[in-house]
Amino acid sequence: MIDVNEYIGTPYTELNCWGLVQKFYADNLNTIIRAEPTDKAERMHWTPINPGTESIHDLLVFRIRENKRHVGICLGRGKMIHSDELAGVVIENYNSVIWKDRLQIIYRRI
């Protein structure tokens, strides 16, 4: 697993879920992400992948309310790092009861 300790506990007000993705990719993969994978200019850099084939660094997109999405980063072994509005940056199991039915799509940076 990647060392993500520097992010853990950072308040959501300082690092929201999309901000965490941008910082994580910049810090760990030397990659600048300007927009979500669904943005026309960014789309060519991502490919959707099938659940069960995800790996470290893949982007997990969840539907949490009717028109609101949430993102996390796959750390492998069913774990993700994400920024929770109440707890800040945490590691959780994305196959848990809370998340598994909300997983909408998984993207891999290409």
PDB file of N, CA and C in Angstrom:
ATOM      1  N   MET A   1       0.842  -1.190   0.000  1.00  0.00           N
ATOM      2  CA  MET A   1       0.000   0.000   0.000  1.00  0.00           C
ATOM      3  C   MET A   1       0.882   1.247   0.000  1.00  0.00           C
ATOM      4  N   ILE A   2       0.413   2.286  -0.615  1.00  0.00           N
ATOM      5  CA  ILE A   2       1.116   3.562  -0.683  1.00  0.00           C
ATOM      6  C   ILE A   2       1.063   4.232   0.688  1.00  0.00           C
ATOM      7  N   ASP A   3       2.090   4.981   1.040  1.00  0.00           N
ATOM      8  CA  ASP A   3       2.084   5.724   2.292  1.00  0.00           C
ATOM      9  C   ASP A   3       1.209   6.959   2.124  1.00  0.00           C
ATOM     10  N   VAL A   4       0.076   6.939   2.772  1.00  0.00           N
ATOM     11  CA  VAL A   4      -0.887   8.048   2.653  1.00  0.00           C
ATOM     12  C   VAL A   4      -1.046   8.791   3.979  1.00  0.00           C
ATOM     13  N   ASN A   5      -0.161   8.514   4.916  1.00  0.00           N
ATOM     14  CA  ASN A   5      -0.279   9.095   6.248  1.00  0.00           C
ATOM     15  C   ASN A   5      -0.303  10.616   6.246  1.00  0.00           C
ATOM     16  N   GLU A   6       0.378  11.253   5.296  1.00  0.00           N
ATOM     17  CA  GLU A   6       0.408  12.720   5.275  1.00  0.00           C
ATOM     18  C   GLU A   6      -0.964  13.332   5.012  1.00  0.00           C
ATOM     19  N   TYR A   7      -1.870  12.566   4.429  1.00  0.00           N
ATOM     20  CA  TYR A   7      -3.205  13.076   4.111  1.00  0.00           C
ATOM     21  C   TYR A   7      -4.224  12.787   5.218  1.00  0.00           C
ATOM     22  N   ILE A   8      -4.049  11.684   5.923  1.00  0.00           N
ATOM     23  CA  ILE A   8      -5.030  11.220   6.898  1.00  0.00           C
ATOM     24  C   ILE A   8      -5.297  12.292   7.952  1.00  0.00           C
ATOM     25  N   GLY A   9      -6.583  12.533   8.179  1.00  0.00           N
ATOM     26  CA  GLY A   9      -6.989  13.501   9.195  1.00  0.00           C
ATOM     27  C   GLY A   9      -7.099  14.930   8.710  1.00  0.00           C
ATOM     28  N   THR A  10      -6.676  15.213   7.484  1.00  0.00           N
ATOM     29  CA  THR A  10      -6.817  16.571   6.958  1.00  0.00           C
ATOM     30  C   THR A  10      -8.309  16.891   6.861  1.00  0.00           C
ATOM     31  N   PRO A  11      -8.747  18.012   7.428  1.00  0.00           N
ATOM     32  CA  PRO A  11     -10.175  18.344   7.395  1.00  0.00           C
ATOM     33  C   PRO A  11     -10.698  18.542   5.967  1.00  0.00           C
ATOM     34  N   TYR A  12     -11.952  18.185   5.775  1.00  0.00           N
ATOM     35  CA  TYR A  12     -12.614  18.331   4.479  1.00  0.00           C
ATOM     36  C   TYR A  12     -12.570  19.783   4.007  1.00  0.00           C
ATOM     37  N   THR A  13     -12.637  20.715   4.925  1.00  0.00           N
ATOM     38  CA  THR A  13     -12.602  22.137   4.554  1.00  0.00           C
ATOM     39  C   THR A  13     -11.262  22.540   3.946  1.00  0.00           C
ATOM     40  N   GLU A  14     -10.211  21.774   4.241  1.00  0.00           N
ATOM     41  CA  GLU A  14      -8.887  22.042   3.668  1.00  0.00           C
ATOM     42  C   GLU A  14      -8.605  21.197   2.430  1.00  0.00           C
ATOM     43  N   LEU A  15      -9.220  20.020   2.358  1.00  0.00           N
ATOM     44  CA  LEU A  15      -8.966  19.093   1.264  1.00  0.00           C
ATOM     45  C   LEU A  15     -10.221  18.262   1.015  1.00  0.00           C
ATOM     46  N   ASN A  16     -11.082  18.766   0.121  1.00  0.00           N
ATOM     47  CA  ASN A  16     -12.303  18.018  -0.180  1.00  0.00           C
ATOM     48  C   ASN A  16     -11.974  16.816  -1.049  1.00  0.00           C
ATOM     49  N   CYS A  17     -12.986  16.039  -1.429  1.00  0.00           N
ATOM     50  CA  CYS A  17     -12.699  14.782  -2.132  1.00  0.00           C
ATOM     51  C   CYS A  17     -11.999  15.006  -3.470  1.00  0.00           C
ATOM     52  N   TRP A  18     -12.431  15.993  -4.245  1.00  0.00           N
ATOM     53  CA  TRP A  18     -11.767  16.229  -5.533  1.00  0.00           C
ATOM     54  C   TRP A  18     -10.385  16.847  -5.334  1.00  0.00           C
ATOM     55  N   GLY A  19     -10.242  17.712  -4.350  1.00  0.00           N
ATOM     56  CA  GLY A  19      -8.943  18.288  -4.028  1.00  0.00           C
ATOM     57  C   GLY A  19      -7.945  17.218  -3.609  1.00  0.00           C
ATOM     58  N   LEU A  20      -8.418  16.208  -2.885  1.00  0.00           N
ATOM     59  CA  LEU A  20      -7.552  15.100  -2.492  1.00  0.00           C
ATOM     60  C   LEU A  20      -7.063  14.347  -3.726  1.00  0.00           C
ATOM     61  N   VAL A  21      -7.960  14.090  -4.676  1.00  0.00           N
ATOM     62  CA  VAL A  21      -7.563  13.401  -5.908  1.00  0.00           C
ATOM     63  C   VAL A  21      -6.478  14.204  -6.623  1.00  0.00           C
ATOM     64  N   GLN A  22      -6.695  15.492  -6.778  1.00  0.00           N
ATOM     65  CA  GLN A  22      -5.718  16.323  -7.472  1.00  0.00           C
ATOM     66  C   GLN A  22      -4.367  16.331  -6.740  1.00  0.00           C
ATOM     67  N   LYS A  23      -4.391  16.480  -5.429  1.00  0.00           N
ATOM     68  CA  LYS A  23      -3.152  16.512  -4.646  1.00  0.00           C
ATOM     69  C   LYS A  23      -2.457  15.153  -4.673  1.00  0.00           C
ATOM     70  N   PHE A  24      -3.208  14.088  -4.511  1.00  0.00           N
ATOM     71  CA  PHE A  24      -2.648  12.743  -4.512  1.00  0.00           C
ATOM     72  C   PHE A  24      -1.947  12.441  -5.836  1.00  0.00           C
ATOM     73  N   TYR A  25      -2.621  12.734  -6.949  1.00  0.00           N
ATOM     74  CA  TYR A  25      -2.014  12.466  -8.260  1.00  0.00           C
ATOM     75  C   TYR A  25      -0.785  13.343  -8.496  1.00  0.00           C
ATOM     76  N   ALA A  26      -0.837  14.591  -8.061  1.00  0.00           N
ATOM     77  CA  ALA A  26       0.323  15.479  -8.225  1.00  0.00           C
ATOM     78  C   ALA A  26       1.496  15.003  -7.366  1.00  0.00           C
ATOM     79  N   ASP A  27       1.230  14.658  -6.112  1.00  0.00           N
ATOM     80  CA  ASP A  27       2.283  14.246  -5.179  1.00  0.00           C
ATOM     81  C   ASP A  27       2.880  12.882  -5.521  1.00  0.00           C
ATOM     82  N   ASN A  28       2.045  11.928  -5.880  1.00  0.00           N
ATOM     83  CA  ASN A  28       2.484  10.543  -6.025  1.00  0.00           C
ATOM     84  C   ASN A  28       2.749  10.100  -7.457  1.00  0.00           C
ATOM     85  N   LEU A  29       2.093  10.744  -8.414  1.00  0.00           N
ATOM     86  CA  LEU A  29       2.230  10.315  -9.800  1.00  0.00           C
ATOM     87  C   LEU A  29       2.744  11.418 -10.711  1.00  0.00           C
ATOM     88  N   ASN A  30       3.074  12.572 -10.104  1.00  0.00           N
ATOM     89  CA  ASN A  30       3.569  13.709 -10.876  1.00  0.00           C
ATOM     90  C   ASN A  30       2.631  14.048 -12.040  1.00  0.00           C
ATOM     91  N   THR A  31       1.330  13.989 -11.742  1.00  0.00           N
ATOM     92  CA  THR A  31       0.296  14.197 -12.760  1.00  0.00           C
ATOM     93  C   THR A  31      -0.638  15.308 -12.328  1.00  0.00           C
ATOM     94  N   ILE A  32      -0.806  16.297 -13.186  1.00  0.00           N
ATOM     95  CA  ILE A  32      -1.732  17.389 -12.918  1.00  0.00           C
ATOM     96  C   ILE A  32      -3.083  17.029 -13.519  1.00  0.00           C
ATOM     97  N   ILE A  33      -4.105  17.045 -12.684  1.00  0.00           N
ATOM     98  CA  ILE A  33      -5.473  16.781 -13.136  1.00  0.00           C
ATOM     99  C   ILE A  33      -6.249  18.074 -12.980  1.00  0.00           C
ATOM    100  N   ARG A  34      -6.736  18.586 -14.088  1.00  0.00           N
ATOM    101  CA  ARG A  34      -7.429  19.873 -14.064  1.00  0.00           C
ATOM    102  C   ARG A  34      -8.941  19.747 -13.904  1.00  0.00           C
ATOM    103  N   ALA A  35      -9.499  18.630 -14.345  1.00  0.00           N
ATOM    104  CA  ALA A  35     -10.946  18.475 -14.304  1.00  0.00           C
ATOM    105  C   ALA A  35     -11.297  16.999 -14.122  1.00  0.00           C
ATOM    106  N   GLU A  36     -12.563  16.745 -13.839  1.00  0.00           N
ATOM    107  CA  GLU A  36     -13.035  15.379 -13.677  1.00  0.00           C
ATOM    108  C   GLU A  36     -12.947  14.613 -14.994  1.00  0.00           C
ATOM    109  N   PRO A  37     -12.881  13.280 -14.925  1.00  0.00           N
ATOM    110  CA  PRO A  37     -12.784  12.465 -16.140  1.00  0.00           C
ATOM    111  C   PRO A  37     -13.940  12.663 -17.122  1.00  0.00           C
ATOM    112  N   THR A  38     -15.059  13.168 -16.647  1.00  0.00           N
ATOM    113  CA  THR A  38     -16.203  13.394 -17.535  1.00  0.00           C
ATOM    114  C   THR A  38     -16.085  14.701 -18.319  1.00  0.00           C
ATOM    115  N   ASP A  39     -15.142  15.557 -17.939  1.00  0.00           N
ATOM    116  CA  ASP A  39     -14.921  16.813 -18.649  1.00  0.00           C
ATOM    117  C   ASP A  39     -14.338  16.503 -20.025  1.00  0.00           C
ATOM    118  N   LYS A  40     -14.832  17.189 -21.041  1.00  0.00           N
ATOM    119  CA  LYS A  40     -14.437  16.914 -22.431  1.00  0.00           C
ATOM    120  C   LYS A  40     -12.922  16.949 -22.635  1.00  0.00           C
ATOM    121  N   ALA A  41     -12.246  17.940 -22.086  1.00  0.00           N
ATOM    122  CA  ALA A  41     -10.799  18.077 -22.280  1.00  0.00           C
ATOM    123  C   ALA A  41     -10.012  17.019 -21.510  1.00  0.00           C
ATOM    124  N   GLU A  42     -10.569  16.513 -20.443  1.00  0.00           N
ATOM    125  CA  GLU A  42      -9.866  15.548 -19.585  1.00  0.00           C
ATOM    126  C   GLU A  42     -10.180  14.099 -19.978  1.00  0.00           C
ATOM    127  N   ARG A  43     -11.294  13.874 -20.642  1.00  0.00           N
ATOM    128  CA  ARG A  43     -11.803  12.533 -20.930  1.00  0.00           C
ATOM    129  C   ARG A  43     -10.786  11.610 -21.600  1.00  0.00           C
ATOM    130  N   MET A  44      -9.949  12.146 -22.477  1.00  0.00           N
ATOM    131  CA  MET A  44      -9.014  11.301 -23.213  1.00  0.00           C
ATOM    132  C   MET A  44      -7.921  10.694 -22.338  1.00  0.00           C
ATOM    133  N   HIS A  45      -7.784  11.197 -21.107  1.00  0.00           N
ATOM    134  CA  HIS A  45      -6.750  10.709 -20.207  1.00  0.00           C
ATOM    135  C   HIS A  45      -7.231   9.590 -19.280  1.00  0.00           C
ATOM    136  N   TRP A  46      -8.495   9.224 -19.385  1.00  0.00           N
ATOM    137  CA  TRP A  46      -9.092   8.236 -18.492  1.00  0.00           C
ATOM    138  C   TRP A  46      -9.826   7.176 -19.295  1.00  0.00           C
ATOM    139  N   THR A  47      -9.884   5.981 -18.746  1.00  0.00           N
ATOM    140  CA  THR A  47     -10.689   4.925 -19.343  1.00  0.00           C
ATOM    141  C   THR A  47     -11.496   4.257 -18.241  1.00  0.00           C
ATOM    142  N   PRO A  48     -12.773   4.004 -18.484  1.00  0.00           N
ATOM    143  CA  PRO A  48     -13.561   3.281 -17.485  1.00  0.00           C
ATOM    144  C   PRO A  48     -13.104   1.820 -17.432  1.00  0.00           C
ATOM    145  N   ILE A  49     -13.114   1.250 -16.260  1.00  0.00           N
ATOM    146  CA  ILE A  49     -12.751  -0.155 -16.113  1.00  0.00           C
ATOM    147  C   ILE A  49     -13.838  -0.893 -15.344  1.00  0.00           C
ATOM    148  N   ASN A  50     -13.856  -2.191 -15.481  1.00  0.00           N
ATOM    149  CA  ASN A  50     -14.872  -3.012 -14.828  1.00  0.00           C
ATOM    150  C   ASN A  50     -14.565  -3.209 -13.351  1.00  0.00           C
ATOM    151  N   PRO A  51     -15.612  -3.173 -12.512  1.00  0.00           N
ATOM    152  CA  PRO A  51     -15.405  -3.503 -11.102  1.00  0.00           C
ATOM    153  C   PRO A  51     -14.785  -4.890 -10.983  1.00  0.00           C
ATOM    154  N   GLY A  52     -13.880  -5.028 -10.042  1.00  0.00           N
ATOM    155  CA  GLY A  52     -13.172  -6.286  -9.869  1.00  0.00           C
ATOM    156  C   GLY A  52     -11.813  -6.279 -10.547  1.00  0.00           C
ATOM    157  N   THR A  53     -11.590  -5.289 -11.430  1.00  0.00           N
ATOM    158  CA  THR A  53     -10.292  -5.174 -12.100  1.00  0.00           C
ATOM    159  C   THR A  53      -9.539  -3.927 -11.646  1.00  0.00           C
ATOM    160  N   GLU A  54     -10.084  -3.226 -10.660  1.00  0.00           N
ATOM    161  CA  GLU A  54      -9.455  -1.998 -10.187  1.00  0.00           C
ATOM    162  C   GLU A  54      -8.131  -2.298  -9.505  1.00  0.00           C
ATOM    163  N   SER A  55      -7.269  -1.285  -9.520  1.00  0.00           N
ATOM    164  CA  SER A  55      -5.967  -1.420  -8.868  1.00  0.00           C
ATOM    165  C   SER A  55      -5.582  -0.076  -8.251  1.00  0.00           C
ATOM    166  N   ILE A  56      -4.428  -0.071  -7.615  1.00  0.00           N
ATOM    167  CA  ILE A  56      -3.937   1.127  -6.934  1.00  0.00           C
ATOM    168  C   ILE A  56      -3.939   2.317  -7.898  1.00  0.00           C
ATOM    169  N   HIS A  57      -4.391   3.444  -7.405  1.00  0.00           N
ATOM    170  CA  HIS A  57      -4.469   4.734  -8.094  1.00  0.00           C
ATOM    171  C   HIS A  57      -5.743   4.923  -8.917  1.00  0.00           C
ATOM    172  N   ASP A  58      -6.544   3.886  -9.115  1.00  0.00           N
ATOM    173  CA  ASP A  58      -7.771   4.065  -9.883  1.00  0.00           C
ATOM    174  C   ASP A  58      -8.724   4.987  -9.131  1.00  0.00           C
ATOM    175  N   LEU A  59      -9.530   5.693  -9.892  1.00  0.00           N
ATOM    176  CA  LEU A  59     -10.474   6.658  -9.347  1.00  0.00           C
ATOM    177  C   LEU A  59     -11.836   5.993  -9.190  1.00  0.00           C
ATOM    178  N   LEU A  60     -12.361   6.008  -7.980  1.00  0.00           N
ATOM    179  CA  LEU A  60     -13.651   5.413  -7.672  1.00  0.00           C
ATOM    180  C   LEU A  60     -14.682   6.540  -7.588  1.00  0.00           C
ATOM    181  N   VAL A  61     -15.740   6.431  -8.361  1.00  0.00           N
ATOM    182  CA  VAL A  61     -16.773   7.477  -8.381  1.00  0.00           C
ATOM    183  C   VAL A  61     -18.055   6.891  -7.800  1.00  0.00           C
ATOM    184  N   PHE A  62     -18.581   7.567  -6.795  1.00  0.00           N
ATOM    185  CA  PHE A  62     -19.784   7.123  -6.094  1.00  0.00           C
ATOM    186  C   PHE A  62     -20.906   8.130  -6.273  1.00  0.00           C
ATOM    187  N   ARG A  63     -22.128   7.652  -6.299  1.00  0.00           N
ATOM    188  CA  ARG A  63     -23.305   8.519  -6.255  1.00  0.00           C
ATOM    189  C   ARG A  63     -23.755   8.518  -4.805  1.00  0.00           C
ATOM    190  N   ILE A  64     -23.738   9.691  -4.166  1.00  0.00           N
ATOM    191  CA  ILE A  64     -24.124   9.725  -2.755  1.00  0.00           C
ATOM    192  C   ILE A  64     -25.480  10.383  -2.513  1.00  0.00           C
ATOM    193  N   ARG A  65     -25.904  11.202  -3.418  1.00  0.00           N
ATOM    194  CA  ARG A  65     -27.247  11.768  -3.404  1.00  0.00           C
ATOM    195  C   ARG A  65     -27.678  11.880  -4.857  1.00  0.00           C
ATOM    196  N   GLU A  66     -28.897  12.244  -5.070  1.00  0.00           N
ATOM    197  CA  GLU A  66     -29.438  12.251  -6.430  1.00  0.00           C
ATOM    198  C   GLU A  66     -28.515  12.903  -7.458  1.00  0.00           C
ATOM    199  N   ASN A  67     -28.029  14.090  -7.173  1.00  0.00           N
ATOM    200  CA  ASN A  67     -27.184  14.798  -8.131  1.00  0.00           C
ATOM    201  C   ASN A  67     -25.786  15.080  -7.601  1.00  0.00           C
ATOM    202  N   LYS A  68     -25.364  14.343  -6.599  1.00  0.00           N
ATOM    203  CA  LYS A  68     -24.054  14.599  -6.023  1.00  0.00           C
ATOM    204  C   LYS A  68     -23.184  13.350  -6.113  1.00  0.00           C
ATOM    205  N   ARG A  69     -21.951  13.571  -6.570  1.00  0.00           N
ATOM    206  CA  ARG A  69     -20.991  12.476  -6.659  1.00  0.00           C
ATOM    207  C   ARG A  69     -19.878  12.674  -5.643  1.00  0.00           C
ATOM    208  N   HIS A  70     -19.208  11.581  -5.379  1.00  0.00           N
ATOM    209  CA  HIS A  70     -18.086  11.575  -4.439  1.00  0.00           C
ATOM    210  C   HIS A  70     -16.992  10.722  -5.067  1.00  0.00           C
ATOM    211  N   VAL A  71     -15.730  11.085  -4.838  1.00  0.00           N
ATOM    212  CA  VAL A  71     -14.626  10.319  -5.408  1.00  0.00           C
ATOM    213  C   VAL A  71     -13.657   9.863  -4.327  1.00  0.00           C
ATOM    214  N   GLY A  72     -13.050   8.726  -4.593  1.00  0.00           N
ATOM    215  CA  GLY A  72     -12.012   8.189  -3.741  1.00  0.00           C
ATOM    216  C   GLY A  72     -10.932   7.580  -4.630  1.00  0.00           C
ATOM    217  N   ILE A  73      -9.825   7.241  -4.043  1.00  0.00           N
ATOM    218  CA  ILE A  73      -8.701   6.665  -4.783  1.00  0.00           C
ATOM    219  C   ILE A  73      -8.449   5.254  -4.250  1.00  0.00           C
ATOM    220  N   CYS A  74      -8.416   4.306  -5.145  1.00  0.00           N
ATOM    221  CA  CYS A  74      -8.181   2.915  -4.773  1.00  0.00           C
ATOM    222  C   CYS A  74      -6.757   2.739  -4.255  1.00  0.00           C
ATOM    223  N   LEU A  75      -6.645   2.094  -3.104  1.00  0.00           N
ATOM    224  CA  LEU A  75      -5.344   1.794  -2.519  1.00  0.00           C
ATOM    225  C   LEU A  75      -5.017   0.307  -2.612  1.00  0.00           C
ATOM    226  N   GLY A  76      -5.914  -0.468  -3.193  1.00  0.00           N
ATOM    227  CA  GLY A  76      -5.735  -1.912  -3.280  1.00  0.00           C
ATOM    228  C   GLY A  76      -6.388  -2.619  -2.111  1.00  0.00           C
ATOM    229  N   ARG A  77      -6.608  -3.927  -2.291  1.00  0.00           N
ATOM    230  CA  ARG A  77      -7.205  -4.757  -1.241  1.00  0.00           C
ATOM    231  C   ARG A  77      -8.531  -4.234  -0.718  1.00  0.00           C
ATOM    232  N   GLY A  78      -9.323  -3.613  -1.585  1.00  0.00           N
ATOM    233  CA  GLY A  78     -10.640  -3.122  -1.197  1.00  0.00           C
ATOM    234  C   GLY A  78     -10.639  -1.822  -0.411  1.00  0.00           C
ATOM    235  N   LYS A  79      -9.490  -1.199  -0.275  1.00  0.00           N
ATOM    236  CA  LYS A  79      -9.379   0.043   0.497  1.00  0.00           C
ATOM    237  C   LYS A  79      -9.311   1.254  -0.415  1.00  0.00           C
ATOM    238  N   MET A  80      -9.840   2.360   0.079  1.00  0.00           N
ATOM    239  CA  MET A  80      -9.755   3.629  -0.640  1.00  0.00           C
ATOM    240  C   MET A  80      -9.415   4.724   0.347  1.00  0.00           C
ATOM    241  N   ILE A  81      -8.813   5.783  -0.170  1.00  0.00           N
ATOM    242  CA  ILE A  81      -8.624   7.004   0.592  1.00  0.00           C
ATOM    243  C   ILE A  81      -9.585   8.013  -0.012  1.00  0.00           C
ATOM    244  N   HIS A  82     -10.271   8.748   0.860  1.00  0.00           N
ATOM    245  CA  HIS A  82     -11.207   9.765   0.397  1.00  0.00           C
ATOM    246  C   HIS A  82     -11.370  10.799   1.493  1.00  0.00           C
ATOM    247  N   SER A  83     -12.007  11.897   1.140  1.00  0.00           N
ATOM    248  CA  SER A  83     -12.235  12.953   2.110  1.00  0.00           C
ATOM    249  C   SER A  83     -13.717  13.009   2.453  1.00  0.00           C
ATOM    250  N   ASP A  84     -14.016  12.723   3.697  1.00  0.00           N
ATOM    251  CA  ASP A  84     -15.374  12.692   4.217  1.00  0.00           C
ATOM    252  C   ASP A  84     -15.727  14.063   4.803  1.00  0.00           C
ATOM    253  N   GLU A  85     -16.930  14.529   4.553  1.00  0.00           N
ATOM    254  CA  GLU A  85     -17.327  15.859   5.032  1.00  0.00           C
ATOM    255  C   GLU A  85     -17.217  15.999   6.542  1.00  0.00           C
ATOM    256  N   LEU A  86     -17.441  14.929   7.283  1.00  0.00           N
ATOM    257  CA  LEU A  86     -17.380  15.000   8.744  1.00  0.00           C
ATOM    258  C   LEU A  86     -16.019  14.598   9.310  1.00  0.00           C
ATOM    259  N   ALA A  87     -15.423  13.545   8.774  1.00  0.00           N
ATOM    260  CA  ALA A  87     -14.197  12.997   9.349  1.00  0.00           C
ATOM    261  C   ALA A  87     -12.919  13.503   8.696  1.00  0.00           C
ATOM    262  N   GLY A  88     -13.031  14.169   7.538  1.00  0.00           N
ATOM    263  CA  GLY A  88     -11.835  14.571   6.810  1.00  0.00           C
ATOM    264  C   GLY A  88     -11.292  13.401   6.015  1.00  0.00           C
ATOM    265  N   VAL A  89     -10.004  13.410   5.739  1.00  0.00           N
ATOM    266  CA  VAL A  89      -9.400  12.361   4.911  1.00  0.00           C
ATOM    267  C   VAL A  89      -9.241  11.084   5.740  1.00  0.00           C
ATOM    268  N   VAL A  90      -9.811  10.004   5.202  1.00  0.00           N
ATOM    269  CA  VAL A  90      -9.806   8.709   5.889  1.00  0.00           C
ATOM    270  C   VAL A  90      -9.574   7.584   4.881  1.00  0.00           C
ATOM    271  N   ILE A  91      -9.272   6.419   5.406  1.00  0.00           N
ATOM    272  CA  ILE A  91      -9.201   5.199   4.600  1.00  0.00           C
ATOM    273  C   ILE A  91     -10.388   4.330   5.005  1.00  0.00           C
ATOM    274  N   GLU A  92     -11.094   3.827   3.998  1.00  0.00           N
ATOM    275  CA  GLU A  92     -12.240   2.969   4.246  1.00  0.00           C
ATOM    276  C   GLU A  92     -12.269   1.844   3.224  1.00  0.00           C
ATOM    277  N   ASN A  93     -13.077   0.844   3.520  1.00  0.00           N
ATOM    278  CA  ASN A  93     -13.305  -0.260   2.599  1.00  0.00           C
ATOM    279  C   ASN A  93     -14.430   0.149   1.646  1.00  0.00           C
ATOM    280  N   TYR A  94     -14.148   0.208   0.352  1.00  0.00           N
ATOM    281  CA  TYR A  94     -15.185   0.627  -0.596  1.00  0.00           C
ATOM    282  C   TYR A  94     -16.140  -0.500  -0.962  1.00  0.00           C
ATOM    283  N   ASN A  95     -15.913  -1.685  -0.432  1.00  0.00           N
ATOM    284  CA  ASN A  95     -16.854  -2.789  -0.613  1.00  0.00           C
ATOM    285  C   ASN A  95     -17.778  -2.933   0.592  1.00  0.00           C
ATOM    286  N   SER A  96     -17.731  -1.965   1.498  1.00  0.00           N
ATOM    287  CA  SER A  96     -18.563  -2.010   2.701  1.00  0.00           C
ATOM    288  C   SER A  96     -20.016  -1.713   2.347  1.00  0.00           C
ATOM    289  N   VAL A  97     -20.889  -1.983   3.286  1.00  0.00           N
ATOM    290  CA  VAL A  97     -22.323  -1.736   3.102  1.00  0.00           C
ATOM    291  C   VAL A  97     -22.578  -0.270   2.737  1.00  0.00           C
ATOM    292  N   ILE A  98     -21.814   0.619   3.302  1.00  0.00           N
ATOM    293  CA  ILE A  98     -21.992   2.053   3.045  1.00  0.00           C
ATOM    294  C   ILE A  98     -21.695   2.417   1.594  1.00  0.00           C
ATOM    295  N   TRP A  99     -20.665   1.811   1.001  1.00  0.00           N
ATOM    296  CA  TRP A  99     -20.183   2.254  -0.304  1.00  0.00           C
ATOM    297  C   TRP A  99     -20.507   1.348  -1.487  1.00  0.00           C
ATOM    298  N   LYS A 100     -20.582   0.043  -1.312  1.00  0.00           N
ATOM    299  CA  LYS A 100     -20.610  -0.864  -2.467  1.00  0.00           C
ATOM    300  C   LYS A 100     -21.766  -0.628  -3.428  1.00  0.00           C
ATOM    301  N   ASP A 101     -22.948  -0.301  -2.931  1.00  0.00           N
ATOM    302  CA  ASP A 101     -24.083  -0.062  -3.827  1.00  0.00           C
ATOM    303  C   ASP A 101     -24.078   1.342  -4.425  1.00  0.00           C
ATOM    304  N   ARG A 102     -23.207   2.188  -3.947  1.00  0.00           N
ATOM    305  CA  ARG A 102     -23.104   3.559  -4.458  1.00  0.00           C
ATOM    306  C   ARG A 102     -22.022   3.717  -5.523  1.00  0.00           C
ATOM    307  N   LEU A 103     -21.167   2.710  -5.680  1.00  0.00           N
ATOM    308  CA  LEU A 103     -20.106   2.789  -6.674  1.00  0.00           C
ATOM    309  C   LEU A 103     -20.720   2.873  -8.063  1.00  0.00           C
ATOM    310  N   GLN A 104     -20.419   3.940  -8.747  1.00  0.00           N
ATOM    311  CA  GLN A 104     -21.020   4.217 -10.054  1.00  0.00           C
ATOM    312  C   GLN A 104     -20.095   3.836 -11.207  1.00  0.00           C
ATOM    313  N   ILE A 105     -18.822   4.210 -11.103  1.00  0.00           N
ATOM    314  CA  ILE A 105     -17.867   3.929 -12.168  1.00  0.00           C
ATOM    315  C   ILE A 105     -16.456   3.976 -11.601  1.00  0.00           C
ATOM    316  N   ILE A 106     -15.555   3.267 -12.256  1.00  0.00           N
ATOM    317  CA  ILE A 106     -14.144   3.293 -11.891  1.00  0.00           C
ATOM    318  C   ILE A 106     -13.367   3.731 -13.112  1.00  0.00           C
ATOM    319  N   TYR A 107     -12.469   4.676 -12.927  1.00  0.00           N
ATOM    320  CA  TYR A 107     -11.637   5.185 -14.010  1.00  0.00           C
ATOM    321  C   TYR A 107     -10.168   4.863 -13.750  1.00  0.00           C
ATOM    322  N   ARG A 108      -9.460   4.604 -14.811  1.00  0.00           N
ATOM    323  CA  ARG A 108      -8.002   4.441 -14.754  1.00  0.00           C
ATOM    324  C   ARG A 108      -7.364   5.517 -15.613  1.00  0.00           C
ATOM    325  N   ARG A 109      -6.348   6.146 -15.070  1.00  0.00           N
ATOM    326  CA  ARG A 109      -5.598   7.176 -15.813  1.00  0.00           C
ATOM    327  C   ARG A 109      -4.725   6.471 -16.851  1.00  0.00           C
ATOM    328  N   ILE A 110      -4.803   6.920 -18.098  1.00  0.00           N
ATOM    329  CA  ILE A 110      -4.025   6.276 -19.173  1.00  0.00           C
ATOM    330  C   ILE A 110      -3.030   7.267 -19.766  1.00  0.00           C
TER     331      ILE A 110
END
